[in-house]
Amino acid sequence: HLTYRTLRQERPCDLIVLCEGCHRHQHGLDTDDPISREFREI
């Protein structure tokens, strides 16, 4: 998910396909990008 604002009502532009490794990296606890912060909050 590129955003969680549309959770359960996602549009194709809200999503991308990642492999497991890249997906884990996107949600890494060592990163401080807005998407990772939002994920950790949720």
PDB file of all heavy atoms in Angstrom:
ATOM      1  N   HIS A   1       0.844  -1.197   0.000  1.00  0.00           N
ATOM      2  CA  HIS A   1       0.000   0.000   0.000  1.00  0.00           C
ATOM      3  C   HIS A   1       0.878   1.245   0.000  1.00  0.00           C
ATOM      4  O   HIS A   1       1.754   1.371   0.847  1.00  0.00           O
ATOM      5  CB  HIS A   1      -0.890   0.029   1.243  1.00  0.00           C
ATOM      6  CG  HIS A   1      -1.946  -1.013   1.261  1.00  0.00           C
ATOM      7  ND1 HIS A   1      -1.691  -2.330   1.593  1.00  0.00           N
ATOM      8  CD2 HIS A   1      -3.263  -0.930   0.979  1.00  0.00           C
ATOM      9  CE1 HIS A   1      -2.813  -3.012   1.518  1.00  0.00           C
ATOM     10  NE2 HIS A   1      -3.782  -2.192   1.147  1.00  0.00           N
ATOM     11  N   LEU A   2       0.607   2.149  -0.901  1.00  0.00           N
ATOM     12  CA  LEU A   2       1.310   3.432  -0.919  1.00  0.00           C
ATOM     13  C   LEU A   2       0.689   4.393   0.088  1.00  0.00           C
ATOM     14  O   LEU A   2       1.325   5.350   0.515  1.00  0.00           O
ATOM     15  CB  LEU A   2       1.278   4.031  -2.324  1.00  0.00           C
ATOM     16  CG  LEU A   2       2.015   3.205  -3.377  1.00  0.00           C
ATOM     17  CD1 LEU A   2       1.771   3.772  -4.766  1.00  0.00           C
ATOM     18  CD2 LEU A   2       3.502   3.146  -3.076  1.00  0.00           C
ATOM     19  N   THR A   3      -0.548   4.146   0.466  1.00  0.00           N
ATOM     20  CA  THR A   3      -1.244   4.921   1.490  1.00  0.00           C
ATOM     21  C   THR A   3      -2.225   3.990   2.191  1.00  0.00           C
ATOM     22  O   THR A   3      -2.666   3.008   1.609  1.00  0.00           O
ATOM     23  CB  THR A   3      -1.995   6.127   0.902  1.00  0.00           C
ATOM     24  OG1 THR A   3      -2.650   6.821   1.970  1.00  0.00           O
ATOM     25  CG2 THR A   3      -3.029   5.727  -0.137  1.00  0.00           C
ATOM     26  N   TYR A   4      -2.555   4.313   3.426  1.00  0.00           N
ATOM     27  CA  TYR A   4      -3.570   3.547   4.144  1.00  0.00           C
ATOM     28  C   TYR A   4      -4.868   4.338   4.272  1.00  0.00           C
ATOM     29  O   TYR A   4      -5.828   3.873   4.865  1.00  0.00           O
ATOM     30  CB  TYR A   4      -3.050   3.142   5.534  1.00  0.00           C
ATOM     31  CG  TYR A   4      -1.955   2.116   5.427  1.00  0.00           C
ATOM     32  CD1 TYR A   4      -0.622   2.494   5.532  1.00  0.00           C
ATOM     33  CD2 TYR A   4      -2.239   0.786   5.178  1.00  0.00           C
ATOM     34  CE1 TYR A   4       0.392   1.561   5.410  1.00  0.00           C
ATOM     35  CE2 TYR A   4      -1.237  -0.157   5.049  1.00  0.00           C
ATOM     36  CZ  TYR A   4       0.071   0.238   5.166  1.00  0.00           C
ATOM     37  OH  TYR A   4       1.075  -0.690   5.035  1.00  0.00           O
ATOM     38  N   ARG A   5      -4.905   5.520   3.681  1.00  0.00           N
ATOM     39  CA  ARG A   5      -6.131   6.328   3.733  1.00  0.00           C
ATOM     40  C   ARG A   5      -7.286   5.654   3.004  1.00  0.00           C
ATOM     41  O   ARG A   5      -8.436   5.931   3.303  1.00  0.00           O
ATOM     42  CB  ARG A   5      -5.879   7.715   3.156  1.00  0.00           C
ATOM     43  CG  ARG A   5      -5.067   8.595   4.078  1.00  0.00           C
ATOM     44  CD  ARG A   5      -4.936   9.999   3.521  1.00  0.00           C
ATOM     45  NE  ARG A   5      -4.001  10.025   2.405  1.00  0.00           N
ATOM     46  CZ  ARG A   5      -2.711  10.300   2.521  1.00  0.00           C
ATOM     47  NH1 ARG A   5      -2.203  10.590   3.696  1.00  0.00           N
ATOM     48  NH2 ARG A   5      -1.932  10.297   1.469  1.00  0.00           N
ATOM     49  N   THR A   6      -6.973   4.798   2.034  1.00  0.00           N
ATOM     50  CA  THR A   6      -8.015   4.132   1.254  1.00  0.00           C
ATOM     51  C   THR A   6      -8.111   2.646   1.600  1.00  0.00           C
ATOM     52  O   THR A   6      -8.633   1.858   0.809  1.00  0.00           O
ATOM     53  CB  THR A   6      -7.732   4.298  -0.251  1.00  0.00           C
ATOM     54  OG1 THR A   6      -6.424   3.774  -0.530  1.00  0.00           O
ATOM     55  CG2 THR A   6      -7.829   5.742  -0.684  1.00  0.00           C
ATOM     56  N   LEU A   7      -7.623   2.256   2.770  1.00  0.00           N
ATOM     57  CA  LEU A   7      -7.607   0.858   3.183  1.00  0.00           C
ATOM     58  C   LEU A   7      -8.983   0.228   2.999  1.00  0.00           C
ATOM     59  O   LEU A   7      -9.990   0.794   3.402  1.00  0.00           O
ATOM     60  CB  LEU A   7      -7.165   0.748   4.640  1.00  0.00           C
ATOM     61  CG  LEU A   7      -6.783  -0.639   5.126  1.00  0.00           C
ATOM     62  CD1 LEU A   7      -5.596  -1.178   4.336  1.00  0.00           C
ATOM     63  CD2 LEU A   7      -6.431  -0.596   6.606  1.00  0.00           C
ATOM     64  N   ARG A   8      -9.002  -0.922   2.362  1.00  0.00           N
ATOM     65  CA  ARG A   8     -10.203  -1.694   2.024  1.00  0.00           C
ATOM     66  C   ARG A   8     -11.039  -1.046   0.929  1.00  0.00           C
ATOM     67  O   ARG A   8     -12.109  -1.551   0.598  1.00  0.00           O
ATOM     68  CB  ARG A   8     -11.040  -2.001   3.264  1.00  0.00           C
ATOM     69  CG  ARG A   8     -10.311  -2.896   4.241  1.00  0.00           C
ATOM     70  CD  ARG A   8     -11.188  -3.304   5.406  1.00  0.00           C
ATOM     71  NE  ARG A   8     -10.465  -4.174   6.306  1.00  0.00           N
ATOM     72  CZ  ARG A   8      -9.635  -3.773   7.259  1.00  0.00           C
ATOM     73  NH1 ARG A   8      -9.414  -2.491   7.444  1.00  0.00           N
ATOM     74  NH2 ARG A   8      -9.024  -4.643   8.025  1.00  0.00           N
ATOM     75  N   GLN A   9     -10.594   0.067   0.394  1.00  0.00           N
ATOM     76  CA  GLN A   9     -11.244   0.713  -0.751  1.00  0.00           C
ATOM     77  C   GLN A   9     -10.159   1.179  -1.716  1.00  0.00           C
ATOM     78  O   GLN A   9     -10.263   2.231  -2.347  1.00  0.00           O
ATOM     79  CB  GLN A   9     -12.101   1.897  -0.298  1.00  0.00           C
ATOM     80  CG  GLN A   9     -13.226   1.491   0.615  1.00  0.00           C
ATOM     81  CD  GLN A   9     -13.987   2.706   1.124  1.00  0.00           C
ATOM     82  OE1 GLN A   9     -13.837   3.821   0.646  1.00  0.00           O
ATOM     83  NE2 GLN A   9     -14.840   2.483   2.102  1.00  0.00           N
ATOM     84  N   GLU A  10      -9.090   0.381  -1.813  1.00  0.00           N
ATOM     85  CA  GLU A  10      -7.919   0.761  -2.587  1.00  0.00           C
ATOM     86  C   GLU A  10      -8.244   0.922  -4.071  1.00  0.00           C
ATOM     87  O   GLU A  10      -9.076   0.217  -4.610  1.00  0.00           O
ATOM     88  CB  GLU A  10      -6.810  -0.293  -2.448  1.00  0.00           C
ATOM     89  CG  GLU A  10      -6.267  -0.445  -1.057  1.00  0.00           C
ATOM     90  CD  GLU A  10      -7.015  -1.473  -0.226  1.00  0.00           C
ATOM     91  OE1 GLU A  10      -8.137  -1.874  -0.592  1.00  0.00           O
ATOM     92  OE2 GLU A  10      -6.464  -1.888   0.806  1.00  0.00           O
ATOM     93  N   ARG A  11      -7.556   1.848  -4.673  1.00  0.00           N
ATOM     94  CA  ARG A  11      -7.560   2.006  -6.120  1.00  0.00           C
ATOM     95  C   ARG A  11      -6.227   1.471  -6.624  1.00  0.00           C
ATOM     96  O   ARG A  11      -5.249   1.426  -5.869  1.00  0.00           O
ATOM     97  CB  ARG A  11      -7.697   3.487  -6.485  1.00  0.00           C
ATOM     98  CG  ARG A  11      -8.993   4.107  -5.968  1.00  0.00           C
ATOM     99  CD  ARG A  11      -8.922   5.596  -6.045  1.00  0.00           C
ATOM    100  NE  ARG A  11      -7.791   6.031  -5.201  1.00  0.00           N
ATOM    101  CZ  ARG A  11      -7.445   7.269  -4.982  1.00  0.00           C
ATOM    102  NH1 ARG A  11      -8.112   8.240  -5.525  1.00  0.00           N
ATOM    103  NH2 ARG A  11      -6.416   7.573  -4.213  1.00  0.00           N
ATOM    104  N   PRO A  12      -6.151   1.057  -7.877  1.00  0.00           N
ATOM    105  CA  PRO A  12      -4.877   0.540  -8.391  1.00  0.00           C
ATOM    106  C   PRO A  12      -3.703   1.491  -8.172  1.00  0.00           C
ATOM    107  O   PRO A  12      -2.592   1.031  -7.897  1.00  0.00           O
ATOM    108  CB  PRO A  12      -5.161   0.324  -9.882  1.00  0.00           C
ATOM    109  CG  PRO A  12      -6.625   0.032  -9.929  1.00  0.00           C
ATOM    110  CD  PRO A  12      -7.231   0.929  -8.864  1.00  0.00           C
ATOM    111  N   CYS A  13      -3.934   2.791  -8.204  1.00  0.00           N
ATOM    112  CA  CYS A  13      -2.838   3.747  -8.017  1.00  0.00           C
ATOM    113  C   CYS A  13      -2.375   3.827  -6.566  1.00  0.00           C
ATOM    114  O   CYS A  13      -1.358   4.446  -6.276  1.00  0.00           O
ATOM    115  CB  CYS A  13      -3.227   5.126  -8.538  1.00  0.00           C
ATOM    116  SG  CYS A  13      -4.601   5.888  -7.660  1.00  0.00           S
ATOM    117  N   ASP A  14      -3.108   3.192  -5.639  1.00  0.00           N
ATOM    118  CA  ASP A  14      -2.730   3.182  -4.227  1.00  0.00           C
ATOM    119  C   ASP A  14      -1.823   2.011  -3.880  1.00  0.00           C
ATOM    120  O   ASP A  14      -1.383   1.889  -2.736  1.00  0.00           O
ATOM    121  CB  ASP A  14      -3.973   3.081  -3.333  1.00  0.00           C
ATOM    122  CG  ASP A  14      -4.901   4.268  -3.469  1.00  0.00           C
ATOM    123  OD1 ASP A  14      -4.409   5.369  -3.753  1.00  0.00           O
ATOM    124  OD2 ASP A  14      -6.118   4.087  -3.288  1.00  0.00           O
ATOM    125  N   LEU A  15      -1.575   1.106  -4.842  1.00  0.00           N
ATOM    126  CA  LEU A  15      -0.868  -0.145  -4.593  1.00  0.00           C
ATOM    127  C   LEU A  15       0.273  -0.342  -5.577  1.00  0.00           C
ATOM    128  O   LEU A  15       0.198   0.124  -6.715  1.00  0.00           O
ATOM    129  CB  LEU A  15      -1.831  -1.330  -4.735  1.00  0.00           C
ATOM    130  CG  LEU A  15      -3.125  -1.256  -3.942  1.00  0.00           C
ATOM    131  CD1 LEU A  15      -4.094  -2.320  -4.413  1.00  0.00           C
ATOM    132  CD2 LEU A  15      -2.839  -1.388  -2.459  1.00  0.00           C
ATOM    133  N   ILE A  16       1.324  -1.033  -5.119  1.00  0.00           N
ATOM    134  CA  ILE A  16       2.365  -1.499  -6.034  1.00  0.00           C
ATOM    135  C   ILE A  16       2.710  -2.932  -5.649  1.00  0.00           C
ATOM    136  O   ILE A  16       2.420  -3.373  -4.536  1.00  0.00           O
ATOM    137  CB  ILE A  16       3.637  -0.621  -6.026  1.00  0.00           C
ATOM    138  CG1 ILE A  16       4.279  -0.578  -4.645  1.00  0.00           C
ATOM    139  CG2 ILE A  16       3.358   0.768  -6.563  1.00  0.00           C
ATOM    140  CD1 ILE A  16       5.651   0.109  -4.632  1.00  0.00           C
ATOM    141  N   VAL A  17       3.319  -3.657  -6.585  1.00  0.00           N
ATOM    142  CA  VAL A  17       3.744  -5.026  -6.337  1.00  0.00           C
ATOM    143  C   VAL A  17       5.219  -5.015  -5.970  1.00  0.00           C
ATOM    144  O   VAL A  17       6.035  -4.418  -6.675  1.00  0.00           O
ATOM    145  CB  VAL A  17       3.510  -5.912  -7.575  1.00  0.00           C
ATOM    146  CG1 VAL A  17       4.081  -7.311  -7.373  1.00  0.00           C
ATOM    147  CG2 VAL A  17       2.022  -5.983  -7.897  1.00  0.00           C
ATOM    148  N   LEU A  18       5.546  -5.651  -4.847  1.00  0.00           N
ATOM    149  CA  LEU A  18       6.927  -5.775  -4.397  1.00  0.00           C
ATOM    150  C   LEU A  18       7.207  -7.224  -4.046  1.00  0.00           C
ATOM    151  O   LEU A  18       6.298  -7.953  -3.632  1.00  0.00           O
ATOM    152  CB  LEU A  18       7.173  -4.923  -3.150  1.00  0.00           C
ATOM    153  CG  LEU A  18       7.017  -3.416  -3.287  1.00  0.00           C
ATOM    154  CD1 LEU A  18       7.198  -2.754  -1.927  1.00  0.00           C
ATOM    155  CD2 LEU A  18       7.996  -2.850  -4.292  1.00  0.00           C
ATOM    156  N   CYS A  19       8.463  -7.641  -4.166  1.00  0.00           N
ATOM    157  CA  CYS A  19       8.846  -8.954  -3.660  1.00  0.00           C
ATOM    158  C   CYS A  19       8.908  -8.850  -2.136  1.00  0.00           C
ATOM    159  O   CYS A  19       8.911  -7.756  -1.567  1.00  0.00           O
ATOM    160  CB  CYS A  19      10.182  -9.401  -4.240  1.00  0.00           C
ATOM    161  SG  CYS A  19      11.600  -8.450  -3.652  1.00  0.00           S
ATOM    162  N   GLU A  20       8.968  -9.994  -1.487  1.00  0.00           N
ATOM    163  CA  GLU A  20       8.974 -10.004  -0.022  1.00  0.00           C
ATOM    164  C   GLU A  20      10.121  -9.179   0.558  1.00  0.00           C
ATOM    165  O   GLU A  20       9.936  -8.419   1.506  1.00  0.00           O
ATOM    166  CB  GLU A  20       9.052 -11.444   0.486  1.00  0.00           C
ATOM    167  CG  GLU A  20       8.942 -11.551   1.971  1.00  0.00           C
ATOM    168  CD  GLU A  20       8.969 -12.984   2.461  1.00  0.00           C
ATOM    169  OE1 GLU A  20       9.025 -13.919   1.636  1.00  0.00           O
ATOM    170  OE2 GLU A  20       8.942 -13.163   3.682  1.00  0.00           O
ATOM    171  N   GLY A  21      11.314  -9.289  -0.019  1.00  0.00           N
ATOM    172  CA  GLY A  21      12.465  -8.542   0.495  1.00  0.00           C
ATOM    173  C   GLY A  21      12.303  -7.043   0.365  1.00  0.00           C
ATOM    174  O   GLY A  21      12.564  -6.297   1.315  1.00  0.00           O
ATOM    175  N   CYS A  22      11.861  -6.589  -0.793  1.00  0.00           N
ATOM    176  CA  CYS A  22      11.655  -5.147  -0.986  1.00  0.00           C
ATOM    177  C   CYS A  22      10.499  -4.640  -0.130  1.00  0.00           C
ATOM    178  O   CYS A  22      10.536  -3.520   0.373  1.00  0.00           O
ATOM    179  CB  CYS A  22      11.424  -4.835  -2.462  1.00  0.00           C
ATOM    180  SG  CYS A  22      12.914  -4.980  -3.478  1.00  0.00           S
ATOM    181  N   HIS A  23       9.467  -5.477   0.052  1.00  0.00           N
ATOM    182  CA  HIS A  23       8.338  -5.077   0.889  1.00  0.00           C
ATOM    183  C   HIS A  23       8.792  -4.912   2.333  1.00  0.00           C
ATOM    184  O   HIS A  23       8.449  -3.922   2.995  1.00  0.00           O
ATOM    185  CB  HIS A  23       7.228  -6.129   0.782  1.00  0.00           C
ATOM    186  CG  HIS A  23       5.900  -5.649   1.253  1.00  0.00           C
ATOM    187  ND1 HIS A  23       4.848  -6.497   1.440  1.00  0.00           N
ATOM    188  CD2 HIS A  23       5.437  -4.415   1.585  1.00  0.00           C
ATOM    189  CE1 HIS A  23       3.799  -5.805   1.868  1.00  0.00           C
ATOM    190  NE2 HIS A  23       4.135  -4.539   1.961  1.00  0.00           N
ATOM    191  N   ARG A  24       9.599  -5.844   2.836  1.00  0.00           N
ATOM    192  CA  ARG A  24      10.129  -5.718   4.202  1.00  0.00           C
ATOM    193  C   ARG A  24      10.952  -4.437   4.329  1.00  0.00           C
ATOM    194  O   ARG A  24      10.868  -3.728   5.322  1.00  0.00           O
ATOM    195  CB  ARG A  24      10.989  -6.933   4.563  1.00  0.00           C
ATOM    196  CG  ARG A  24      10.198  -8.127   5.015  1.00  0.00           C
ATOM    197  CD  ARG A  24      11.056  -9.162   5.730  1.00  0.00           C
ATOM    198  NE  ARG A  24      12.319  -9.428   5.080  1.00  0.00           N
ATOM    199  CZ  ARG A  24      12.529 -10.383   4.175  1.00  0.00           C
ATOM    200  NH1 ARG A  24      11.555 -11.163   3.808  1.00  0.00           N
ATOM    201  NH2 ARG A  24      13.706 -10.546   3.637  1.00  0.00           N
ATOM    202  N   HIS A  25      11.757  -4.164   3.314  1.00  0.00           N
ATOM    203  CA  HIS A  25      12.591  -2.953   3.350  1.00  0.00           C
ATOM    204  C   HIS A  25      11.715  -1.699   3.405  1.00  0.00           C
ATOM    205  O   HIS A  25      12.034  -0.746   4.117  1.00  0.00           O
ATOM    206  CB  HIS A  25      13.512  -2.917   2.137  1.00  0.00           C
ATOM    207  CG  HIS A  25      14.376  -1.705   2.101  1.00  0.00           C
ATOM    208  ND1 HIS A  25      15.421  -1.514   2.978  1.00  0.00           N
ATOM    209  CD2 HIS A  25      14.328  -0.602   1.312  1.00  0.00           C
ATOM    210  CE1 HIS A  25      15.993  -0.339   2.721  1.00  0.00           C
ATOM    211  NE2 HIS A  25      15.344   0.226   1.726  1.00  0.00           N
ATOM    212  N   GLN A  26      10.613  -1.707   2.672  1.00  0.00           N
ATOM    213  CA  GLN A  26       9.713  -0.548   2.667  1.00  0.00           C
ATOM    214  C   GLN A  26       9.148  -0.271   4.049  1.00  0.00           C
ATOM    215  O   GLN A  26       8.840   0.857   4.384  1.00  0.00           O
ATOM    216  CB  GLN A  26       8.562  -0.763   1.685  1.00  0.00           C
ATOM    217  CG  GLN A  26       8.954  -0.593   0.246  1.00  0.00           C
ATOM    218  CD  GLN A  26       9.386   0.831  -0.055  1.00  0.00           C
ATOM    219  OE1 GLN A  26       8.678   1.788   0.250  1.00  0.00           O
ATOM    220  NE2 GLN A  26      10.545   0.969  -0.645  1.00  0.00           N
ATOM    221  N   HIS A  27       8.999  -1.316   4.870  1.00  0.00           N
ATOM    222  CA  HIS A  27       8.449  -1.163   6.212  1.00  0.00           C
ATOM    223  C   HIS A  27       9.519  -1.304   7.288  1.00  0.00           C
ATOM    224  O   HIS A  27       9.199  -1.516   8.459  1.00  0.00           O
ATOM    225  CB  HIS A  27       7.345  -2.206   6.449  1.00  0.00           C
ATOM    226  CG  HIS A  27       6.124  -1.977   5.622  1.00  0.00           C
ATOM    227  ND1 HIS A  27       5.339  -0.854   5.728  1.00  0.00           N
ATOM    228  CD2 HIS A  27       5.561  -2.730   4.651  1.00  0.00           C
ATOM    229  CE1 HIS A  27       4.346  -0.929   4.872  1.00  0.00           C
ATOM    230  NE2 HIS A  27       4.454  -2.057   4.197  1.00  0.00           N
ATOM    231  N   GLY A  28      10.776  -1.152   6.899  1.00  0.00           N
ATOM    232  CA  GLY A  28      11.877  -1.323   7.846  1.00  0.00           C
ATOM    233  C   GLY A  28      11.808  -0.344   9.000  1.00  0.00           C
ATOM    234  O   GLY A  28      11.476   0.824   8.833  1.00  0.00           O
ATOM    235  N   LEU A  29      12.116  -0.855  10.181  1.00  0.00           N
ATOM    236  CA  LEU A  29      12.083  -0.004  11.373  1.00  0.00           C
ATOM    237  C   LEU A  29      13.227   0.997  11.399  1.00  0.00           C
ATOM    238  O   LEU A  29      13.205   1.930  12.179  1.00  0.00           O
ATOM    239  CB  LEU A  29      12.115  -0.875  12.636  1.00  0.00           C
ATOM    240  CG  LEU A  29      10.895  -1.770  12.819  1.00  0.00           C
ATOM    241  CD1 LEU A  29      11.081  -2.657  14.039  1.00  0.00           C
ATOM    242  CD2 LEU A  29       9.631  -0.946  12.941  1.00  0.00           C
ATOM    243  N   ASP A  30      14.213   0.796  10.536  1.00  0.00           N
ATOM    244  CA  ASP A  30      15.351   1.713  10.505  1.00  0.00           C
ATOM    245  C   ASP A  30      15.138   2.869   9.532  1.00  0.00           C
ATOM    246  O   ASP A  30      16.000   3.713   9.387  1.00  0.00           O
ATOM    247  CB  ASP A  30      16.633   0.961  10.152  1.00  0.00           C
ATOM    248  CG  ASP A  30      16.539   0.260   8.797  1.00  0.00           C
ATOM    249  OD1 ASP A  30      15.418   0.045   8.307  1.00  0.00           O
ATOM    250  OD2 ASP A  30      17.588  -0.076   8.249  1.00  0.00           O
ATOM    251  N   THR A  31      13.993   2.908   8.895  1.00  0.00           N
ATOM    252  CA  THR A  31      13.724   4.006   7.963  1.00  0.00           C
ATOM    253  C   THR A  31      12.754   4.982   8.598  1.00  0.00           C
ATOM    254  O   THR A  31      11.999   4.634   9.506  1.00  0.00           O
ATOM    255  CB  THR A  31      13.144   3.497   6.632  1.00  0.00           C
ATOM    256  OG1 THR A  31      11.904   2.847   6.897  1.00  0.00           O
ATOM    257  CG2 THR A  31      14.094   2.555   5.937  1.00  0.00           C
ATOM    258  N   ASP A  32      12.760   6.196   8.121  1.00  0.00           N
ATOM    259  CA  ASP A  32      11.895   7.221   8.690  1.00  0.00           C
ATOM    260  C   ASP A  32      11.116   7.953   7.607  1.00  0.00           C
ATOM    261  O   ASP A  32      10.797   9.116   7.744  1.00  0.00           O
ATOM    262  CB  ASP A  32      12.727   8.213   9.511  1.00  0.00           C
ATOM    263  CG  ASP A  32      11.850   9.010  10.474  1.00  0.00           C
ATOM    264  OD1 ASP A  32      10.884   8.433  11.008  1.00  0.00           O
ATOM    265  OD2 ASP A  32      12.115  10.212  10.660  1.00  0.00           O
ATOM    266  N   ASP A  33      10.798   7.227   6.518  1.00  0.00           N
ATOM    267  CA  ASP A  33      10.008   7.860   5.464  1.00  0.00           C
ATOM    268  C   ASP A  33       8.534   7.895   5.888  1.00  0.00           C
ATOM    269  O   ASP A  33       8.113   7.159   6.786  1.00  0.00           O
ATOM    270  CB  ASP A  33      10.178   7.107   4.143  1.00  0.00           C
ATOM    271  CG  ASP A  33       9.666   5.698   4.239  1.00  0.00           C
ATOM    272  OD1 ASP A  33      10.426   4.817   4.683  1.00  0.00           O
ATOM    273  OD2 ASP A  33       8.492   5.486   3.896  1.00  0.00           O
ATOM    274  N   PRO A  34       7.732   8.744   5.277  1.00  0.00           N
ATOM    275  CA  PRO A  34       6.330   8.906   5.701  1.00  0.00           C
ATOM    276  C   PRO A  34       5.511   7.616   5.627  1.00  0.00           C
ATOM    277  O   PRO A  34       4.689   7.363   6.510  1.00  0.00           O
ATOM    278  CB  PRO A  34       5.780   9.951   4.726  1.00  0.00           C
ATOM    279  CG  PRO A  34       6.968  10.697   4.251  1.00  0.00           C
ATOM    280  CD  PRO A  34       8.109   9.707   4.247  1.00  0.00           C
ATOM    281  N   ILE A  35       5.716   6.788   4.621  1.00  0.00           N
ATOM    282  CA  ILE A  35       4.936   5.556   4.492  1.00  0.00           C
ATOM    283  C   ILE A  35       5.286   4.597   5.620  1.00  0.00           C
ATOM    284  O   ILE A  35       4.409   3.988   6.237  1.00  0.00           O
ATOM    285  CB  ILE A  35       5.142   4.909   3.111  1.00  0.00           C
ATOM    286  CG1 ILE A  35       4.515   5.806   2.030  1.00  0.00           C
ATOM    287  CG2 ILE A  35       4.523   3.515   3.062  1.00  0.00           C
ATOM    288  CD1 ILE A  35       4.834   5.383   0.618  1.00  0.00           C
ATOM    289  N   SER A  36       6.573   4.454   5.942  1.00  0.00           N
ATOM    290  CA  SER A  36       6.971   3.568   7.036  1.00  0.00           C
ATOM    291  C   SER A  36       6.458   4.076   8.378  1.00  0.00           C
ATOM    292  O   SER A  36       5.999   3.295   9.212  1.00  0.00           O
ATOM    293  CB  SER A  36       8.494   3.415   7.076  1.00  0.00           C
ATOM    294  OG  SER A  36       8.946   2.747   5.922  1.00  0.00           O
ATOM    295  N   ARG A  37       6.512   5.383   8.602  1.00  0.00           N
ATOM    296  CA  ARG A  37       5.971   5.949   9.848  1.00  0.00           C
ATOM    297  C   ARG A  37       4.479   5.662   9.959  1.00  0.00           C
ATOM    298  O   ARG A  37       3.976   5.248  11.011  1.00  0.00           O
ATOM    299  CB  ARG A  37       6.212   7.450   9.911  1.00  0.00           C
ATOM    300  CG  ARG A  37       7.603   7.826  10.342  1.00  0.00           C
ATOM    301  CD  ARG A  37       7.697   9.274  10.791  1.00  0.00           C
ATOM    302  NE  ARG A  37       7.151  10.206   9.814  1.00  0.00           N
ATOM    303  CZ  ARG A  37       7.857  10.788   8.837  1.00  0.00           C
ATOM    304  NH1 ARG A  37       9.147  10.536   8.705  1.00  0.00           N
ATOM    305  NH2 ARG A  37       7.289  11.619   8.012  1.00  0.00           N
ATOM    306  N   GLU A  38       3.748   5.855   8.851  1.00  0.00           N
ATOM    307  CA  GLU A  38       2.308   5.605   8.841  1.00  0.00           C
ATOM    308  C   GLU A  38       2.015   4.133   9.128  1.00  0.00           C
ATOM    309  O   GLU A  38       1.138   3.804   9.929  1.00  0.00           O
ATOM    310  CB  GLU A  38       1.726   6.009   7.484  1.00  0.00           C
ATOM    311  CG  GLU A  38       0.230   5.880   7.384  1.00  0.00           C
ATOM    312  CD  GLU A  38      -0.307   6.331   6.037  1.00  0.00           C
ATOM    313  OE1 GLU A  38       0.483   6.697   5.143  1.00  0.00           O
ATOM    314  OE2 GLU A  38      -1.534   6.286   5.883  1.00  0.00           O
ATOM    315  N   PHE A  39       2.774   3.230   8.516  1.00  0.00           N
ATOM    316  CA  PHE A  39       2.600   1.796   8.747  1.00  0.00           C
ATOM    317  C   PHE A  39       2.839   1.457  10.210  1.00  0.00           C
ATOM    318  O   PHE A  39       2.040   0.755  10.839  1.00  0.00           O
ATOM    319  CB  PHE A  39       3.556   1.005   7.855  1.00  0.00           C
ATOM    320  CG  PHE A  39       3.556  -0.469   8.135  1.00  0.00           C
ATOM    321  CD1 PHE A  39       2.533  -1.271   7.662  1.00  0.00           C
ATOM    322  CD2 PHE A  39       4.573  -1.045   8.869  1.00  0.00           C
ATOM    323  CE1 PHE A  39       2.532  -2.626   7.923  1.00  0.00           C
ATOM    324  CE2 PHE A  39       4.578  -2.401   9.131  1.00  0.00           C
ATOM    325  CZ  PHE A  39       3.549  -3.196   8.655  1.00  0.00           C
ATOM    326  N   ARG A  40       3.917   1.966  10.773  1.00  0.00           N
ATOM    327  CA  ARG A  40       4.236   1.662  12.171  1.00  0.00           C
ATOM    328  C   ARG A  40       3.141   2.193  13.104  1.00  0.00           C
ATOM    329  O   ARG A  40       2.790   1.544  14.082  1.00  0.00           O
ATOM    330  CB  ARG A  40       5.603   2.220  12.539  1.00  0.00           C
ATOM    331  CG  ARG A  40       6.743   1.475  11.862  1.00  0.00           C
ATOM    332  CD  ARG A  40       8.089   1.836  12.432  1.00  0.00           C
ATOM    333  NE  ARG A  40       8.423   3.240  12.372  1.00  0.00           N
ATOM    334  CZ  ARG A  40       9.136   3.809  11.398  1.00  0.00           C
ATOM    335  NH1 ARG A  40       9.579   3.114  10.394  1.00  0.00           N
ATOM    336  NH2 ARG A  40       9.403   5.096  11.455  1.00  0.00           N
ATOM    337  N   GLU A  41       2.581   3.354  12.800  1.00  0.00           N
ATOM    338  CA  GLU A  41       1.497   3.901  13.611  1.00  0.00           C
ATOM    339  C   GLU A  41       0.261   3.011  13.544  1.00  0.00           C
ATOM    340  O   GLU A  41      -0.355   2.724  14.569  1.00  0.00           O
ATOM    341  CB  GLU A  41       1.133   5.318  13.156  1.00  0.00           C
ATOM    342  CG  GLU A  41       2.176   6.346  13.496  1.00  0.00           C
ATOM    343  CD  GLU A  41       1.871   7.692  12.870  1.00  0.00           C
ATOM    344  OE1 GLU A  41       0.746   7.887  12.364  1.00  0.00           O
ATOM    345  OE2 GLU A  41       2.773   8.557  12.889  1.00  0.00           O
ATOM    346  N   ILE A  42      -0.066   2.542  12.349  1.00  0.00           N
ATOM    347  CA  ILE A  42      -1.253   1.708  12.163  1.00  0.00           C
ATOM    348  C   ILE A  42      -1.121   0.381  12.894  1.00  0.00           C
ATOM    349  O   ILE A  42      -2.044  -0.074  13.552  1.00  0.00           O
ATOM    350  CB  ILE A  42      -1.553   1.502  10.663  1.00  0.00           C
ATOM    351  CG1 ILE A  42      -2.065   2.812  10.083  1.00  0.00           C
ATOM    352  CG2 ILE A  42      -2.551   0.372  10.437  1.00  0.00           C
ATOM    353  CD1 ILE A  42      -2.165   2.817   8.583  1.00  0.00           C
TER     354      ILE A  42
END
